[in-house]
Amino acid sequence: MGATTAKPFSETESKAFAKFLRSFKKDRGDMDEDEIQRSAENAWGKLLPYQKQLFEVKPRGVNIKKQAEVKRRRRLLEGLIYMGMA
């Protein structure tokens, strides 16, 4: 009976674990990759849910002004293509 690897339940948790693994590797440069992976999986399993949330990747918000500017540029470009100028 060896150690089992815990599988993340969702894409969000998978991304959070990847972020956790990157920070875990920074602190443990003297260990080999397999040992880092095993240790990180064990440490991830021991974290409380609110501690795991600290590593979640949050989507960036889109600025309304920038969104309007993109639409304006897209319409302009479509007009130029339609007229054969671009």
PDB file of N, CA and C in Angstrom:
ATOM      1  N   MET A   1       0.832  -1.180   0.000  1.00  0.00           N
ATOM      2  CA  MET A   1       0.000   0.000   0.000  1.00  0.00           C
ATOM      3  C   MET A   1       0.875   1.241   0.000  1.00  0.00           C
ATOM      4  N   GLY A   2       0.945   1.856  -1.137  1.00  0.00           N
ATOM      5  CA  GLY A   2       1.744   3.058  -1.245  1.00  0.00           C
ATOM      6  C   GLY A   2       0.883   4.300  -1.114  1.00  0.00           C
ATOM      7  N   ALA A   3       1.507   5.420  -1.288  1.00  0.00           N
ATOM      8  CA  ALA A   3       0.785   6.686  -1.226  1.00  0.00           C
ATOM      9  C   ALA A   3      -0.076   6.829  -2.472  1.00  0.00           C
ATOM     10  N   THR A   4      -1.263   7.347  -2.302  1.00  0.00           N
ATOM     11  CA  THR A   4      -2.152   7.559  -3.435  1.00  0.00           C
ATOM     12  C   THR A   4      -2.112   9.030  -3.813  1.00  0.00           C
ATOM     13  N   THR A   5      -2.321   9.287  -5.084  1.00  0.00           N
ATOM     14  CA  THR A   5      -2.343  10.670  -5.538  1.00  0.00           C
ATOM     15  C   THR A   5      -3.777  11.147  -5.579  1.00  0.00           C
ATOM     16  N   ALA A   6      -4.023  12.326  -5.063  1.00  0.00           N
ATOM     17  CA  ALA A   6      -5.358  12.902  -5.053  1.00  0.00           C
ATOM     18  C   ALA A   6      -5.597  13.616  -6.370  1.00  0.00           C
ATOM     19  N   LYS A   7      -6.730  13.345  -6.981  1.00  0.00           N
ATOM     20  CA  LYS A   7      -7.083  13.994  -8.235  1.00  0.00           C
ATOM     21  C   LYS A   7      -7.942  15.226  -7.944  1.00  0.00           C
ATOM     22  N   PRO A   8      -7.676  16.353  -8.574  1.00  0.00           N
ATOM     23  CA  PRO A   8      -8.512  17.530  -8.386  1.00  0.00           C
ATOM     24  C   PRO A   8      -9.936  17.255  -8.893  1.00  0.00           C
ATOM     25  N   PHE A   9     -10.901  17.888  -8.281  1.00  0.00           N
ATOM     26  CA  PHE A   9     -12.289  17.642  -8.620  1.00  0.00           C
ATOM     27  C   PHE A   9     -12.780  18.482  -9.787  1.00  0.00           C
ATOM     28  N   SER A  10     -12.223  19.634  -9.995  1.00  0.00           N
ATOM     29  CA  SER A  10     -12.720  20.524 -11.038  1.00  0.00           C
ATOM     30  C   SER A  10     -11.551  21.219 -11.736  1.00  0.00           C
ATOM     31  N   GLU A  11     -11.887  21.901 -12.804  1.00  0.00           N
ATOM     32  CA  GLU A  11     -10.856  22.655 -13.537  1.00  0.00           C
ATOM     33  C   GLU A  11     -10.304  23.783 -12.670  1.00  0.00           C
ATOM     34  N   THR A  12     -11.179  24.398 -11.884  1.00  0.00           N
ATOM     35  CA  THR A  12     -10.749  25.477 -10.990  1.00  0.00           C
ATOM     36  C   THR A  12      -9.742  24.966  -9.972  1.00  0.00           C
ATOM     37  N   GLU A  13     -10.049  23.815  -9.379  1.00  0.00           N
ATOM     38  CA  GLU A  13      -9.139  23.258  -8.386  1.00  0.00           C
ATOM     39  C   GLU A  13      -7.842  22.782  -9.039  1.00  0.00           C
ATOM     40  N   SER A  14      -7.941  22.306 -10.272  1.00  0.00           N
ATOM     41  CA  SER A  14      -6.755  21.874 -11.001  1.00  0.00           C
ATOM     42  C   SER A  14      -5.813  23.048 -11.240  1.00  0.00           C
ATOM     43  N   LYS A  15      -6.372  24.195 -11.649  1.00  0.00           N
ATOM     44  CA  LYS A  15      -5.560  25.390 -11.860  1.00  0.00           C
ATOM     45  C   LYS A  15      -4.981  25.898 -10.541  1.00  0.00           C
ATOM     46  N   ALA A  16      -5.774  25.803  -9.479  1.00  0.00           N
ATOM     47  CA  ALA A  16      -5.296  26.234  -8.165  1.00  0.00           C
ATOM     48  C   ALA A  16      -4.135  25.357  -7.715  1.00  0.00           C
ATOM     49  N   PHE A  17      -4.237  24.047  -7.955  1.00  0.00           N
ATOM     50  CA  PHE A  17      -3.148  23.148  -7.569  1.00  0.00           C
ATOM     51  C   PHE A  17      -1.887  23.450  -8.380  1.00  0.00           C
ATOM     52  N   ALA A  18      -2.050  23.763  -9.670  1.00  0.00           N
ATOM     53  CA  ALA A  18      -0.888  24.092 -10.503  1.00  0.00           C
ATOM     54  C   ALA A  18      -0.191  25.348  -9.975  1.00  0.00           C
ATOM     55  N   LYS A  19      -0.974  26.335  -9.554  1.00  0.00           N
ATOM     56  CA  LYS A  19      -0.405  27.559  -8.984  1.00  0.00           C
ATOM     57  C   LYS A  19       0.303  27.251  -7.662  1.00  0.00           C
ATOM     58  N   PHE A  20      -0.310  26.389  -6.849  1.00  0.00           N
ATOM     59  CA  PHE A  20       0.288  25.965  -5.589  1.00  0.00           C
ATOM     60  C   PHE A  20       1.597  25.226  -5.847  1.00  0.00           C
ATOM     61  N   LEU A  21       1.601  24.362  -6.860  1.00  0.00           N
ATOM     62  CA  LEU A  21       2.793  23.577  -7.187  1.00  0.00           C
ATOM     63  C   LEU A  21       3.950  24.480  -7.611  1.00  0.00           C
ATOM     64  N   ARG A  22       3.662  25.529  -8.393  1.00  0.00           N
ATOM     65  CA  ARG A  22       4.717  26.473  -8.800  1.00  0.00           C
ATOM     66  C   ARG A  22       5.341  27.151  -7.581  1.00  0.00           C
ATOM     67  N   SER A  23       4.513  27.602  -6.653  1.00  0.00           N
ATOM     68  CA  SER A  23       5.065  28.261  -5.464  1.00  0.00           C
ATOM     69  C   SER A  23       5.774  27.253  -4.559  1.00  0.00           C
ATOM     70  N   PHE A  24       5.296  26.013  -4.536  1.00  0.00           N
ATOM     71  CA  PHE A  24       5.919  24.961  -3.728  1.00  0.00           C
ATOM     72  C   PHE A  24       7.316  24.646  -4.266  1.00  0.00           C
ATOM     73  N   LYS A  25       7.462  24.636  -5.598  1.00  0.00           N
ATOM     74  CA  LYS A  25       8.757  24.335  -6.222  1.00  0.00           C
ATOM     75  C   LYS A  25       9.791  25.422  -5.930  1.00  0.00           C
ATOM     76  N   LYS A  26       9.351  26.664  -5.843  1.00  0.00           N
ATOM     77  CA  LYS A  26      10.285  27.770  -5.595  1.00  0.00           C
ATOM     78  C   LYS A  26      11.009  27.613  -4.262  1.00  0.00           C
ATOM     79  N   ASP A  27      10.282  27.112  -3.275  1.00  0.00           N
ATOM     80  CA  ASP A  27      10.866  26.977  -1.939  1.00  0.00           C
ATOM     81  C   ASP A  27      11.715  25.728  -1.784  1.00  0.00           C
ATOM     82  N   ARG A  28      11.523  24.748  -2.660  1.00  0.00           N
ATOM     83  CA  ARG A  28      12.204  23.463  -2.501  1.00  0.00           C
ATOM     84  C   ARG A  28      13.016  23.102  -3.737  1.00  0.00           C
ATOM     85  N   GLY A  29      13.982  23.912  -4.053  1.00  0.00           N
ATOM     86  CA  GLY A  29      14.821  23.689  -5.226  1.00  0.00           C
ATOM     87  C   GLY A  29      15.801  22.540  -5.075  1.00  0.00           C
ATOM     88  N   ASP A  30      16.055  22.109  -3.855  1.00  0.00           N
ATOM     89  CA  ASP A  30      17.027  21.053  -3.624  1.00  0.00           C
ATOM     90  C   ASP A  30      16.443  19.645  -3.804  1.00  0.00           C
ATOM     91  N   MET A  31      15.128  19.532  -3.942  1.00  0.00           N
ATOM     92  CA  MET A  31      14.482  18.225  -4.081  1.00  0.00           C
ATOM     93  C   MET A  31      14.328  17.875  -5.564  1.00  0.00           C
ATOM     94  N   ASP A  32      14.236  16.570  -5.876  1.00  0.00           N
ATOM     95  CA  ASP A  32      14.002  16.185  -7.269  1.00  0.00           C
ATOM     96  C   ASP A  32      12.507  16.301  -7.594  1.00  0.00           C
ATOM     97  N   GLU A  33      12.164  16.238  -8.890  1.00  0.00           N
ATOM     98  CA  GLU A  33      10.805  16.512  -9.358  1.00  0.00           C
ATOM     99  C   GLU A  33       9.758  15.573  -8.751  1.00  0.00           C
ATOM    100  N   ASP A  34      10.072  14.272  -8.694  1.00  0.00           N
ATOM    101  CA  ASP A  34       9.108  13.312  -8.153  1.00  0.00           C
ATOM    102  C   ASP A  34       8.828  13.573  -6.676  1.00  0.00           C
ATOM    103  N   GLU A  35       9.880  13.887  -5.945  1.00  0.00           N
ATOM    104  CA  GLU A  35       9.727  14.148  -4.525  1.00  0.00           C
ATOM    105  C   GLU A  35       8.933  15.432  -4.289  1.00  0.00           C
ATOM    106  N   ILE A  36       9.169  16.431  -5.122  1.00  0.00           N
ATOM    107  CA  ILE A  36       8.414  17.683  -5.019  1.00  0.00           C
ATOM    108  C   ILE A  36       6.941  17.422  -5.303  1.00  0.00           C
ATOM    109  N   GLN A  37       6.656  16.654  -6.360  1.00  0.00           N
ATOM    110  CA  GLN A  37       5.274  16.352  -6.734  1.00  0.00           C
ATOM    111  C   GLN A  37       4.544  15.623  -5.600  1.00  0.00           C
ATOM    112  N   ARG A  38       5.175  14.602  -5.039  1.00  0.00           N
ATOM    113  CA  ARG A  38       4.557  13.849  -3.938  1.00  0.00           C
ATOM    114  C   ARG A  38       4.325  14.733  -2.720  1.00  0.00           C
ATOM    115  N   SER A  39       5.326  15.509  -2.368  1.00  0.00           N
ATOM    116  CA  SER A  39       5.201  16.386  -1.200  1.00  0.00           C
ATOM    117  C   SER A  39       4.116  17.440  -1.405  1.00  0.00           C
ATOM    118  N   ALA A  40       4.048  17.976  -2.620  1.00  0.00           N
ATOM    119  CA  ALA A  40       3.039  18.998  -2.922  1.00  0.00           C
ATOM    120  C   ALA A  40       1.636  18.404  -2.857  1.00  0.00           C
ATOM    121  N   GLU A  41       1.462  17.184  -3.379  1.00  0.00           N
ATOM    122  CA  GLU A  41       0.150  16.541  -3.319  1.00  0.00           C
ATOM    123  C   GLU A  41      -0.269  16.285  -1.884  1.00  0.00           C
ATOM    124  N   ASN A  42       0.667  15.842  -1.053  1.00  0.00           N
ATOM    125  CA  ASN A  42       0.355  15.619   0.363  1.00  0.00           C
ATOM    126  C   ASN A  42       0.008  16.929   1.064  1.00  0.00           C
ATOM    127  N   ALA A  43       0.778  17.973   0.782  1.00  0.00           N
ATOM    128  CA  ALA A  43       0.530  19.269   1.416  1.00  0.00           C
ATOM    129  C   ALA A  43      -0.806  19.848   0.947  1.00  0.00           C
ATOM    130  N   TRP A  44      -1.131  19.675  -0.345  1.00  0.00           N
ATOM    131  CA  TRP A  44      -2.394  20.180  -0.899  1.00  0.00           C
ATOM    132  C   TRP A  44      -3.584  19.498  -0.218  1.00  0.00           C
ATOM    133  N   GLY A  45      -3.446  18.210   0.019  1.00  0.00           N
ATOM    134  CA  GLY A  45      -4.518  17.469   0.670  1.00  0.00           C
ATOM    135  C   GLY A  45      -4.747  17.891   2.105  1.00  0.00           C
ATOM    136  N   LYS A  46      -3.737  18.424   2.749  1.00  0.00           N
ATOM    137  CA  LYS A  46      -3.850  18.841   4.147  1.00  0.00           C
ATOM    138  C   LYS A  46      -4.355  20.272   4.303  1.00  0.00           C
ATOM    139  N   LEU A  47      -4.397  21.025   3.190  1.00  0.00           N
ATOM    140  CA  LEU A  47      -4.870  22.408   3.274  1.00  0.00           C
ATOM    141  C   LEU A  47      -6.370  22.445   3.518  1.00  0.00           C
ATOM    142  N   LEU A  48      -6.814  23.447   4.240  1.00  0.00           N
ATOM    143  CA  LEU A  48      -8.240  23.669   4.451  1.00  0.00           C
ATOM    144  C   LEU A  48      -8.830  24.355   3.218  1.00  0.00           C
ATOM    145  N   PRO A  49     -10.137  24.245   3.013  1.00  0.00           N
ATOM    146  CA  PRO A  49     -10.749  24.846   1.817  1.00  0.00           C
ATOM    147  C   PRO A  49     -10.468  26.337   1.644  1.00  0.00           C
ATOM    148  N   TYR A  50     -10.475  27.102   2.747  1.00  0.00           N
ATOM    149  CA  TYR A  50     -10.205  28.535   2.589  1.00  0.00           C
ATOM    150  C   TYR A  50      -8.751  28.787   2.207  1.00  0.00           C
ATOM    151  N   GLN A  51      -7.828  27.881   2.599  1.00  0.00           N
ATOM    152  CA  GLN A  51      -6.432  28.024   2.201  1.00  0.00           C
ATOM    153  C   GLN A  51      -6.260  27.697   0.721  1.00  0.00           C
ATOM    154  N   LYS A  52      -7.030  26.738   0.224  1.00  0.00           N
ATOM    155  CA  LYS A  52      -6.975  26.397  -1.200  1.00  0.00           C
ATOM    156  C   LYS A  52      -7.515  27.535  -2.049  1.00  0.00           C
ATOM    157  N   GLN A  53      -8.493  28.258  -1.521  1.00  0.00           N
ATOM    158  CA  GLN A  53      -9.073  29.375  -2.276  1.00  0.00           C
ATOM    159  C   GLN A  53      -8.067  30.481  -2.535  1.00  0.00           C
ATOM    160  N   LEU A  54      -7.041  30.575  -1.706  1.00  0.00           N
ATOM    161  CA  LEU A  54      -6.014  31.597  -1.918  1.00  0.00           C
ATOM    162  C   LEU A  54      -5.251  31.371  -3.215  1.00  0.00           C
ATOM    163  N   PHE A  55      -5.230  30.133  -3.704  1.00  0.00           N
ATOM    164  CA  PHE A  55      -4.494  29.804  -4.924  1.00  0.00           C
ATOM    165  C   PHE A  55      -5.382  29.767  -6.166  1.00  0.00           C
ATOM    166  N   GLU A  56      -6.691  30.012  -6.012  1.00  0.00           N
ATOM    167  CA  GLU A  56      -7.580  29.985  -7.164  1.00  0.00           C
ATOM    168  C   GLU A  56      -7.244  31.120  -8.116  1.00  0.00           C
ATOM    169  N   VAL A  57      -7.333  30.818  -9.400  1.00  0.00           N
ATOM    170  CA  VAL A  57      -7.071  31.804 -10.440  1.00  0.00           C
ATOM    171  C   VAL A  57      -8.379  32.515 -10.733  1.00  0.00           C
ATOM    172  N   LYS A  58      -8.398  33.803 -10.463  1.00  0.00           N
ATOM    173  CA  LYS A  58      -9.621  34.577 -10.662  1.00  0.00           C
ATOM    174  C   LYS A  58      -9.597  35.239 -12.040  1.00  0.00           C
ATOM    175  N   PRO A  59     -10.730  35.231 -12.747  1.00  0.00           N
ATOM    176  CA  PRO A  59     -10.759  35.869 -14.069  1.00  0.00           C
ATOM    177  C   PRO A  59     -10.615  37.377 -13.947  1.00  0.00           C
ATOM    178  N   ARG A  60      -9.951  37.944 -14.928  1.00  0.00           N
ATOM    179  CA  ARG A  60      -9.785  39.393 -14.931  1.00  0.00           C
ATOM    180  C   ARG A  60     -11.047  40.039 -15.487  1.00  0.00           C
ATOM    181  N   GLY A  61     -11.417  41.159 -14.923  1.00  0.00           N
ATOM    182  CA  GLY A  61     -12.578  41.899 -15.402  1.00  0.00           C
ATOM    183  C   GLY A  61     -12.233  42.672 -16.663  1.00  0.00           C
ATOM    184  N   VAL A  62     -13.243  42.902 -17.494  1.00  0.00           N
ATOM    185  CA  VAL A  62     -13.048  43.651 -18.728  1.00  0.00           C
ATOM    186  C   VAL A  62     -13.577  45.062 -18.510  1.00  0.00           C
ATOM    187  N   ASN A  63     -12.748  46.022 -18.813  1.00  0.00           N
ATOM    188  CA  ASN A  63     -13.113  47.418 -18.669  1.00  0.00           C
ATOM    189  C   ASN A  63     -14.161  47.774 -19.726  1.00  0.00           C
ATOM    190  N   ILE A  64     -15.239  48.442 -19.326  1.00  0.00           N
ATOM    191  CA  ILE A  64     -16.331  48.791 -20.231  1.00  0.00           C
ATOM    192  C   ILE A  64     -15.848  49.733 -21.327  1.00  0.00           C
ATOM    193  N   LYS A  65     -15.009  50.711 -20.987  1.00  0.00           N
ATOM    194  CA  LYS A  65     -14.502  51.639 -21.992  1.00  0.00           C
ATOM    195  C   LYS A  65     -13.660  50.905 -23.033  1.00  0.00           C
ATOM    196  N   LYS A  66     -12.835  49.982 -22.580  1.00  0.00           N
ATOM    197  CA  LYS A  66     -11.991  49.231 -23.498  1.00  0.00           C
ATOM    198  C   LYS A  66     -12.846  48.349 -24.394  1.00  0.00           C
ATOM    199  N   GLN A  67     -13.914  47.769 -23.841  1.00  0.00           N
ATOM    200  CA  GLN A  67     -14.800  46.932 -24.624  1.00  0.00           C
ATOM    201  C   GLN A  67     -15.463  47.757 -25.736  1.00  0.00           C
ATOM    202  N   ALA A  68     -15.886  48.976 -25.423  1.00  0.00           N
ATOM    203  CA  ALA A  68     -16.503  49.854 -26.413  1.00  0.00           C
ATOM    204  C   ALA A  68     -15.484  50.239 -27.486  1.00  0.00           C
ATOM    205  N   GLU A  69     -14.246  50.486 -27.094  1.00  0.00           N
ATOM    206  CA  GLU A  69     -13.189  50.841 -28.048  1.00  0.00           C
ATOM    207  C   GLU A  69     -12.921  49.681 -29.010  1.00  0.00           C
ATOM    208  N   VAL A  70     -12.922  48.478 -28.513  1.00  0.00           N
ATOM    209  CA  VAL A  70     -12.687  47.308 -29.361  1.00  0.00           C
ATOM    210  C   VAL A  70     -13.814  47.174 -30.380  1.00  0.00           C
ATOM    211  N   LYS A  71     -15.057  47.376 -29.942  1.00  0.00           N
ATOM    212  CA  LYS A  71     -16.191  47.295 -30.864  1.00  0.00           C
ATOM    213  C   LYS A  71     -16.082  48.363 -31.948  1.00  0.00           C
ATOM    214  N   ARG A  72     -15.686  49.576 -31.536  1.00  0.00           N
ATOM    215  CA  ARG A  72     -15.560  50.674 -32.490  1.00  0.00           C
ATOM    216  C   ARG A  72     -14.479  50.358 -33.522  1.00  0.00           C
ATOM    217  N   ARG A  73     -13.338  49.839 -33.094  1.00  0.00           N
ATOM    218  CA  ARG A  73     -12.259  49.482 -34.025  1.00  0.00           C
ATOM    219  C   ARG A  73     -12.680  48.357 -34.956  1.00  0.00           C
ATOM    220  N   ARG A  74     -13.406  47.378 -34.423  1.00  0.00           N
ATOM    221  CA  ARG A  74     -13.854  46.254 -35.233  1.00  0.00           C
ATOM    222  C   ARG A  74     -14.804  46.725 -36.334  1.00  0.00           C
ATOM    223  N   ARG A  75     -15.732  47.632 -35.978  1.00  0.00           N
ATOM    224  CA  ARG A  75     -16.664  48.163 -36.992  1.00  0.00           C
ATOM    225  C   ARG A  75     -15.906  48.944 -38.063  1.00  0.00           C
ATOM    226  N   LEU A  76     -14.917  49.721 -37.646  1.00  0.00           N
ATOM    227  CA  LEU A  76     -14.121  50.493 -38.585  1.00  0.00           C
ATOM    228  C   LEU A  76     -13.366  49.569 -39.531  1.00  0.00           C
ATOM    229  N   LEU A  77     -12.745  48.538 -38.990  1.00  0.00           N
ATOM    230  CA  LEU A  77     -12.000  47.586 -39.805  1.00  0.00           C
ATOM    231  C   LEU A  77     -12.916  46.835 -40.762  1.00  0.00           C
ATOM    232  N   GLU A  78     -14.098  46.431 -40.288  1.00  0.00           N
ATOM    233  CA  GLU A  78     -15.044  45.746 -41.167  1.00  0.00           C
ATOM    234  C   GLU A  78     -15.482  46.661 -42.304  1.00  0.00           C
ATOM    235  N   GLY A  79     -15.670  47.947 -42.001  1.00  0.00           N
ATOM    236  CA  GLY A  79     -16.039  48.912 -43.038  1.00  0.00           C
ATOM    237  C   GLY A  79     -14.942  49.075 -44.068  1.00  0.00           C
ATOM    238  N   LEU A  80     -13.682  49.110 -43.622  1.00  0.00           N
ATOM    239  CA  LEU A  80     -12.558  49.241 -44.554  1.00  0.00           C
ATOM    240  C   LEU A  80     -12.428  48.000 -45.426  1.00  0.00           C
ATOM    241  N   ILE A  81     -12.617  46.844 -44.832  1.00  0.00           N
ATOM    242  CA  ILE A  81     -12.545  45.606 -45.615  1.00  0.00           C
ATOM    243  C   ILE A  81     -13.664  45.562 -46.641  1.00  0.00           C
ATOM    244  N   TYR A  82     -14.873  45.982 -46.232  1.00  0.00           N
ATOM    245  CA  TYR A  82     -16.000  45.988 -47.139  1.00  0.00           C
ATOM    246  C   TYR A  82     -15.755  46.911 -48.319  1.00  0.00           C
ATOM    247  N   MET A  83     -15.110  48.059 -48.048  1.00  0.00           N
ATOM    248  CA  MET A  83     -14.832  49.016 -49.118  1.00  0.00           C
ATOM    249  C   MET A  83     -13.599  48.619 -49.924  1.00  0.00           C
ATOM    250  N   GLY A  84     -12.863  47.599 -49.482  1.00  0.00           N
ATOM    251  CA  GLY A  84     -11.694  47.140 -50.206  1.00  0.00           C
ATOM    252  C   GLY A  84     -10.449  47.952 -49.930  1.00  0.00           C
ATOM    253  N   MET A  85     -10.417  48.681 -48.828  1.00  0.00           N
ATOM    254  CA  MET A  85      -9.291  49.547 -48.517  1.00  0.00           C
ATOM    255  C   MET A  85      -8.260  48.858 -47.624  1.00  0.00           C
ATOM    256  N   ALA A  86      -8.635  47.776 -46.993  1.00  0.00           N
ATOM    257  CA  ALA A  86      -7.691  47.120 -46.084  1.00  0.00           C
ATOM    258  C   ALA A  86      -7.169  45.837 -46.645  1.00  0.00           C
TER     259      ALA A  86
END
